[in-house]
């Protein structure tokens, strides 16, 4: 069969979709939108991006990598 991915816009739509699926005896899985990444790791990456935007950090010429 096919897999459908549904994106309800609010809790009412989500409840209606679940009720519809249960009424028709269609199996479904609940999958949350939580990030699989460690929040501390994400903060470090975001802080690094901010540093680069603010001119902090070291800029390396790619041509010099193999010298």
PDB file of N, CA and C in Angstrom:
ATOM      1  N   UNK A   1       0.825  -1.188   0.000  1.00  0.00           N
ATOM      2  CA  UNK A   1       0.000   0.000   0.000  1.00  0.00           C
ATOM      3  C   UNK A   1       0.869   1.250   0.000  1.00  0.00           C
ATOM      4  N   UNK A   2       0.239   2.379   0.129  1.00  0.00           N
ATOM      5  CA  UNK A   2       0.924   3.663   0.126  1.00  0.00           C
ATOM      6  C   UNK A   2       0.995   4.242   1.535  1.00  0.00           C
ATOM      7  N   UNK A   3       1.919   5.155   1.719  1.00  0.00           N
ATOM      8  CA  UNK A   3       2.042   5.883   2.976  1.00  0.00           C
ATOM      9  C   UNK A   3       1.668   7.332   2.717  1.00  0.00           C
ATOM     10  N   UNK A   4       0.809   7.858   3.558  1.00  0.00           N
ATOM     11  CA  UNK A   4       0.393   9.252   3.443  1.00  0.00           C
ATOM     12  C   UNK A   4       0.961  10.029   4.621  1.00  0.00           C
ATOM     13  N   UNK A   5       1.465  11.208   4.352  1.00  0.00           N
ATOM     14  CA  UNK A   5       1.938  12.091   5.419  1.00  0.00           C
ATOM     15  C   UNK A   5       0.983  13.271   5.461  1.00  0.00           C
ATOM     16  N   UNK A   6       0.378  13.490   6.614  1.00  0.00           N
ATOM     17  CA  UNK A   6      -0.640  14.519   6.784  1.00  0.00           C
ATOM     18  C   UNK A   6      -0.085  15.621   7.680  1.00  0.00           C
ATOM     19  N   UNK A   7      -0.383  16.867   7.333  1.00  0.00           N
ATOM     20  CA  UNK A   7       0.103  18.009   8.104  1.00  0.00           C
ATOM     21  C   UNK A   7      -1.076  18.845   8.591  1.00  0.00           C
ATOM     22  N   UNK A   8      -1.721  18.440   9.690  1.00  0.00           N
ATOM     23  CA  UNK A   8      -2.822  19.248  10.209  1.00  0.00           C
ATOM     24  C   UNK A   8      -2.298  20.595  10.713  1.00  0.00           C
ATOM     25  N   UNK A   9      -3.113  21.623  10.557  1.00  0.00           N
ATOM     26  CA  UNK A   9      -2.695  22.970  10.923  1.00  0.00           C
ATOM     27  C   UNK A   9      -3.035  23.340  12.367  1.00  0.00           C
ATOM     28  N   UNK A  10      -3.908  22.551  13.001  1.00  0.00           N
ATOM     29  CA  UNK A  10      -4.263  22.849  14.388  1.00  0.00           C
ATOM     30  C   UNK A  10      -4.745  21.568  15.073  1.00  0.00           C
ATOM     31  N   UNK A  11      -5.044  21.678  16.370  1.00  0.00           N
ATOM     32  CA  UNK A  11      -5.447  20.507  17.159  1.00  0.00           C
ATOM     33  C   UNK A  11      -6.794  19.951  16.713  1.00  0.00           C
ATOM     34  N   UNK A  12      -7.690  20.827  16.270  1.00  0.00           N
ATOM     35  CA  UNK A  12      -9.012  20.363  15.819  1.00  0.00           C
ATOM     36  C   UNK A  12      -8.880  19.483  14.577  1.00  0.00           C
ATOM     37  N   UNK A  13      -8.036  19.906  13.643  1.00  0.00           N
ATOM     38  CA  UNK A  13      -7.827  19.098  12.438  1.00  0.00           C
ATOM     39  C   UNK A  13      -7.185  17.758  12.793  1.00  0.00           C
ATOM     40  N   UNK A  14      -6.227  17.787  13.705  1.00  0.00           N
ATOM     41  CA  UNK A  14      -5.569  16.556  14.129  1.00  0.00           C
ATOM     42  C   UNK A  14      -6.573  15.589  14.750  1.00  0.00           C
ATOM     43  N   UNK A  15      -7.433  16.103  15.618  1.00  0.00           N
ATOM     44  CA  UNK A  15      -8.447  15.257  16.267  1.00  0.00           C
ATOM     45  C   UNK A  15      -9.411  14.678  15.238  1.00  0.00           C
ATOM     46  N   UNK A  16      -9.809  15.482  14.255  1.00  0.00           N
ATOM     47  CA  UNK A  16     -10.737  15.012  13.217  1.00  0.00           C
ATOM     48  C   UNK A  16     -10.094  13.921  12.374  1.00  0.00           C
ATOM     49  N   UNK A  17      -8.835  14.103  12.029  1.00  0.00           N
ATOM     50  CA  UNK A  17      -8.136  13.095  11.219  1.00  0.00           C
ATOM     51  C   UNK A  17      -8.003  11.792  11.993  1.00  0.00           C
ATOM     52  N   UNK A  18      -7.647  11.882  13.273  1.00  0.00           N
ATOM     53  CA  UNK A  18      -7.528  10.675  14.087  1.00  0.00           C
ATOM     54  C   UNK A  18      -8.865   9.957  14.195  1.00  0.00           C
ATOM     55  N   UNK A  19      -9.947  10.702  14.418  1.00  0.00           N
ATOM     56  CA  UNK A  19     -11.281  10.099  14.534  1.00  0.00           C
ATOM     57  C   UNK A  19     -11.669   9.415  13.226  1.00  0.00           C
ATOM     58  N   UNK A  20     -11.396  10.061  12.110  1.00  0.00           N
ATOM     59  CA  UNK A  20     -11.706   9.504  10.797  1.00  0.00           C
ATOM     60  C   UNK A  20     -10.951   8.198  10.578  1.00  0.00           C
ATOM     61  N   UNK A  21      -9.667   8.199  10.900  1.00  0.00           N
ATOM     62  CA  UNK A  21      -8.842   7.008  10.710  1.00  0.00           C
ATOM     63  C   UNK A  21      -9.320   5.861  11.604  1.00  0.00           C
ATOM     64  N   UNK A  22      -9.656   6.177  12.855  1.00  0.00           N
ATOM     65  CA  UNK A  22     -10.159   5.145  13.764  1.00  0.00           C
ATOM     66  C   UNK A  22     -11.490   4.598  13.283  1.00  0.00           C
ATOM     67  N   UNK A  23     -12.377   5.481  12.786  1.00  0.00           N
ATOM     68  CA  UNK A  23     -13.695   5.044  12.310  1.00  0.00           C
ATOM     69  C   UNK A  23     -13.570   4.074  11.132  1.00  0.00           C
ATOM     70  N   UNK A  24     -12.583   4.310  10.278  1.00  0.00           N
ATOM     71  CA  UNK A  24     -12.386   3.418   9.125  1.00  0.00           C
ATOM     72  C   UNK A  24     -11.422   2.271   9.422  1.00  0.00           C
ATOM     73  N   UNK A  25     -10.988   2.176  10.681  1.00  0.00           N
ATOM     74  CA  UNK A  25     -10.067   1.126  11.129  1.00  0.00           C
ATOM     75  C   UNK A  25      -8.772   1.125  10.301  1.00  0.00           C
ATOM     76  N   UNK A  26      -8.248   2.331  10.077  1.00  0.00           N
ATOM     77  CA  UNK A  26      -6.974   2.504   9.377  1.00  0.00           C
ATOM     78  C   UNK A  26      -5.891   2.670  10.434  1.00  0.00           C
ATOM     79  N   UNK A  27      -4.866   1.848  10.347  1.00  0.00           N
ATOM     80  CA  UNK A  27      -3.790   1.959  11.339  1.00  0.00           C
ATOM     81  C   UNK A  27      -2.935   3.191  11.032  1.00  0.00           C
ATOM     82  N   UNK A  28      -2.447   3.819  12.094  1.00  0.00           N
ATOM     83  CA  UNK A  28      -1.587   4.987  11.925  1.00  0.00           C
ATOM     84  C   UNK A  28      -0.614   5.069  13.088  1.00  0.00           C
ATOM     85  N   UNK A  29       0.464   5.807  12.868  1.00  0.00           N
ATOM     86  CA  UNK A  29       1.492   5.995  13.886  1.00  0.00           C
ATOM     87  C   UNK A  29       1.524   7.459  14.281  1.00  0.00           C
ATOM     88  N   UNK A  30       1.807   7.690  15.541  1.00  0.00           N
ATOM     89  CA  UNK A  30       1.988   9.046  16.026  1.00  0.00           C
ATOM     90  C   UNK A  30       3.485   9.319  16.022  1.00  0.00           C
ATOM     91  N   UNK A  31       3.881  10.397  15.361  1.00  0.00           N
ATOM     92  CA  UNK A  31       5.283  10.757  15.311  1.00  0.00           C
ATOM     93  C   UNK A  31       5.394  12.228  15.678  1.00  0.00           C
ATOM     94  N   UNK A  32       6.143  12.513  16.724  1.00  0.00           N
ATOM     95  CA  UNK A  32       6.275  13.896  17.167  1.00  0.00           C
ATOM     96  C   UNK A  32       7.324  14.608  16.323  1.00  0.00           C
ATOM     97  N   UNK A  33       7.317  15.932  16.399  1.00  0.00           N
ATOM     98  CA  UNK A  33       8.253  16.738  15.627  1.00  0.00           C
ATOM     99  C   UNK A  33       9.470  17.149  16.443  1.00  0.00           C
ATOM    100  N   UNK A  34       9.777  16.392  17.479  1.00  0.00           N
ATOM    101  CA  UNK A  34      10.937  16.706  18.299  1.00  0.00           C
ATOM    102  C   UNK A  34      12.208  16.462  17.507  1.00  0.00           C
ATOM    103  N   UNK A  35      13.191  17.285  17.761  1.00  0.00           N
ATOM    104  CA  UNK A  35      14.463  17.164  17.077  1.00  0.00           C
ATOM    105  C   UNK A  35      15.224  15.942  17.594  1.00  0.00           C
ATOM    106  N   UNK A  36      15.852  15.185  16.712  1.00  0.00           N
ATOM    107  CA  UNK A  36      16.638  14.039  17.163  1.00  0.00           C
ATOM    108  C   UNK A  36      17.998  14.450  17.727  1.00  0.00           C
ATOM    109  N   UNK A  37      18.317  15.738  17.657  1.00  0.00           N
ATOM    110  CA  UNK A  37      19.616  16.219  18.088  1.00  0.00           C
ATOM    111  C   UNK A  37      19.604  16.665  19.539  1.00  0.00           C
ATOM    112  N   UNK A  38      20.739  16.513  20.183  1.00  0.00           N
ATOM    113  CA  UNK A  38      20.926  16.957  21.553  1.00  0.00           C
ATOM    114  C   UNK A  38      20.813  18.483  21.572  1.00  0.00           C
ATOM    115  N   UNK A  39      19.967  19.060  22.447  1.00  0.00           N
ATOM    116  CA  UNK A  39      19.788  20.517  22.478  1.00  0.00           C
ATOM    117  C   UNK A  39      21.083  21.289  22.742  1.00  0.00           C
ATOM    118  N   UNK A  40      21.994  20.729  23.539  1.00  0.00           N
ATOM    119  CA  UNK A  40      23.270  21.399  23.790  1.00  0.00           C
ATOM    120  C   UNK A  40      24.098  21.485  22.511  1.00  0.00           C
ATOM    121  N   UNK A  41      24.076  20.425  21.727  1.00  0.00           N
ATOM    122  CA  UNK A  41      24.796  20.399  20.452  1.00  0.00           C
ATOM    123  C   UNK A  41      24.230  21.451  19.502  1.00  0.00           C
ATOM    124  N   UNK A  42      22.909  21.539  19.430  1.00  0.00           N
ATOM    125  CA  UNK A  42      22.261  22.518  18.558  1.00  0.00           C
ATOM    126  C   UNK A  42      22.653  23.929  18.976  1.00  0.00           C
ATOM    127  N   UNK A  43      22.686  24.208  20.278  1.00  0.00           N
ATOM    128  CA  UNK A  43      23.066  25.533  20.765  1.00  0.00           C
ATOM    129  C   UNK A  43      24.496  25.877  20.364  1.00  0.00           C
ATOM    130  N   UNK A  44      25.404  24.909  20.426  1.00  0.00           N
ATOM    131  CA  UNK A  44      26.794  25.152  20.039  1.00  0.00           C
ATOM    132  C   UNK A  44      26.891  25.495  18.551  1.00  0.00           C
ATOM    133  N   UNK A  45      26.153  24.783  17.731  1.00  0.00           N
ATOM    134  CA  UNK A  45      26.166  25.039  16.286  1.00  0.00           C
ATOM    135  C   UNK A  45      25.610  26.433  16.006  1.00  0.00           C
ATOM    136  N   UNK A  46      24.496  26.777  16.633  1.00  0.00           N
ATOM    137  CA  UNK A  46      23.892  28.098  16.419  1.00  0.00           C
ATOM    138  C   UNK A  46      24.806  29.215  16.915  1.00  0.00           C
ATOM    139  N   UNK A  47      25.472  29.001  18.042  1.00  0.00           N
ATOM    140  CA  UNK A  47      26.408  29.996  18.557  1.00  0.00           C
ATOM    141  C   UNK A  47      27.576  30.173  17.595  1.00  0.00           C
ATOM    142  N   UNK A  48      28.057  29.093  17.019  1.00  0.00           N
ATOM    143  CA  UNK A  48      29.145  29.164  16.039  1.00  0.00           C
ATOM    144  C   UNK A  48      28.730  29.938  14.799  1.00  0.00           C
ATOM    145  N   UNK A  49      27.520  29.737  14.345  1.00  0.00           N
ATOM    146  CA  UNK A  49      27.017  30.478  13.186  1.00  0.00           C
ATOM    147  C   UNK A  49      26.923  31.969  13.496  1.00  0.00           C
ATOM    148  N   UNK A  50      26.462  32.276  14.700  1.00  0.00           N
ATOM    149  CA  UNK A  50      26.384  33.683  15.105  1.00  0.00           C
ATOM    150  C   UNK A  50      27.780  34.307  15.157  1.00  0.00           C
ATOM    151  N   UNK A  51      28.755  33.563  15.674  1.00  0.00           N
ATOM    152  CA  UNK A  51      30.128  34.064  15.735  1.00  0.00           C
ATOM    153  C   UNK A  51      30.648  34.390  14.338  1.00  0.00           C
ATOM    154  N   UNK A  52      30.390  33.515  13.393  1.00  0.00           N
ATOM    155  CA  UNK A  52      30.855  33.738  12.022  1.00  0.00           C
ATOM    156  C   UNK A  52      30.182  34.973  11.425  1.00  0.00           C
ATOM    157  N   UNK A  53      28.884  35.129  11.664  1.00  0.00           N
ATOM    158  CA  UNK A  53      28.174  36.310  11.163  1.00  0.00           C
ATOM    159  C   UNK A  53      28.737  37.597  11.759  1.00  0.00           C
ATOM    160  N   UNK A  54      29.208  37.527  13.001  1.00  0.00           N
ATOM    161  CA  UNK A  54      29.744  38.703  13.693  1.00  0.00           C
ATOM    162  C   UNK A  54      31.236  38.911  13.438  1.00  0.00           C
ATOM    163  N   UNK A  55      31.816  38.122  12.540  1.00  0.00           N
ATOM    164  CA  UNK A  55      33.221  38.311  12.188  1.00  0.00           C
ATOM    165  C   UNK A  55      34.205  37.598  13.085  1.00  0.00           C
ATOM    166  N   UNK A  56      33.744  36.791  14.004  1.00  0.00           N
ATOM    167  CA  UNK A  56      34.641  36.037  14.882  1.00  0.00           C
ATOM    168  C   UNK A  56      35.010  34.725  14.190  1.00  0.00           C
ATOM    169  N   UNK A  57      36.133  34.183  14.542  1.00  0.00           N
ATOM    170  CA  UNK A  57      36.544  32.904  13.985  1.00  0.00           C
ATOM    171  C   UNK A  57      37.742  33.055  13.072  1.00  0.00           C
ATOM    172  N   UNK A  58      38.170  31.943  12.494  1.00  0.00           N
ATOM    173  CA  UNK A  58      39.337  31.911  11.628  1.00  0.00           C
ATOM    174  C   UNK A  58      38.884  31.576  10.219  1.00  0.00           C
ATOM    175  N   UNK A  59      39.361  32.359   9.260  1.00  0.00           N
ATOM    176  CA  UNK A  59      39.019  32.112   7.865  1.00  0.00           C
ATOM    177  C   UNK A  59      40.214  31.438   7.203  1.00  0.00           C
ATOM    178  N   UNK A  60      39.991  30.297   6.583  1.00  0.00           N
ATOM    179  CA  UNK A  60      41.065  29.538   5.945  1.00  0.00           C
ATOM    180  C   UNK A  60      40.792  29.483   4.452  1.00  0.00           C
ATOM    181  N   UNK A  61      41.793  29.800   3.669  1.00  0.00           N
ATOM    182  CA  UNK A  61      41.682  29.721   2.217  1.00  0.00           C
ATOM    183  C   UNK A  61      41.718  28.246   1.819  1.00  0.00           C
ATOM    184  N   UNK A  62      40.742  27.744   1.083  1.00  0.00           N
ATOM    185  CA  UNK A  62      40.725  26.333   0.696  1.00  0.00           C
ATOM    186  C   UNK A  62      41.950  25.915  -0.108  1.00  0.00           C
ATOM    187  N   UNK A  63      42.567  26.854  -0.821  1.00  0.00           N
ATOM    188  CA  UNK A  63      43.757  26.525  -1.598  1.00  0.00           C
ATOM    189  C   UNK A  63      44.932  26.180  -0.684  1.00  0.00           C
ATOM    190  N   UNK A  64      44.917  26.677   0.543  1.00  0.00           N
ATOM    191  CA  UNK A  64      46.015  26.451   1.468  1.00  0.00           C
ATOM    192  C   UNK A  64      45.859  25.177   2.306  1.00  0.00           C
ATOM    193  N   UNK A  65      44.767  24.471   2.150  1.00  0.00           N
ATOM    194  CA  UNK A  65      44.533  23.284   2.976  1.00  0.00           C
ATOM    195  C   UNK A  65      45.561  22.168   2.721  1.00  0.00           C
ATOM    196  N   UNK A  66      46.009  22.011   1.515  1.00  0.00           N
ATOM    197  CA  UNK A  66      46.872  20.885   1.182  1.00  0.00           C
ATOM    198  C   UNK A  66      48.341  21.285   1.065  1.00  0.00           C
ATOM    199  N   UNK A  67      48.708  22.464   1.531  1.00  0.00           N
ATOM    200  CA  UNK A  67      50.104  22.896   1.457  1.00  0.00           C
ATOM    201  C   UNK A  67      50.839  22.542   2.724  1.00  0.00           C
TER     202      UNK A  67
END
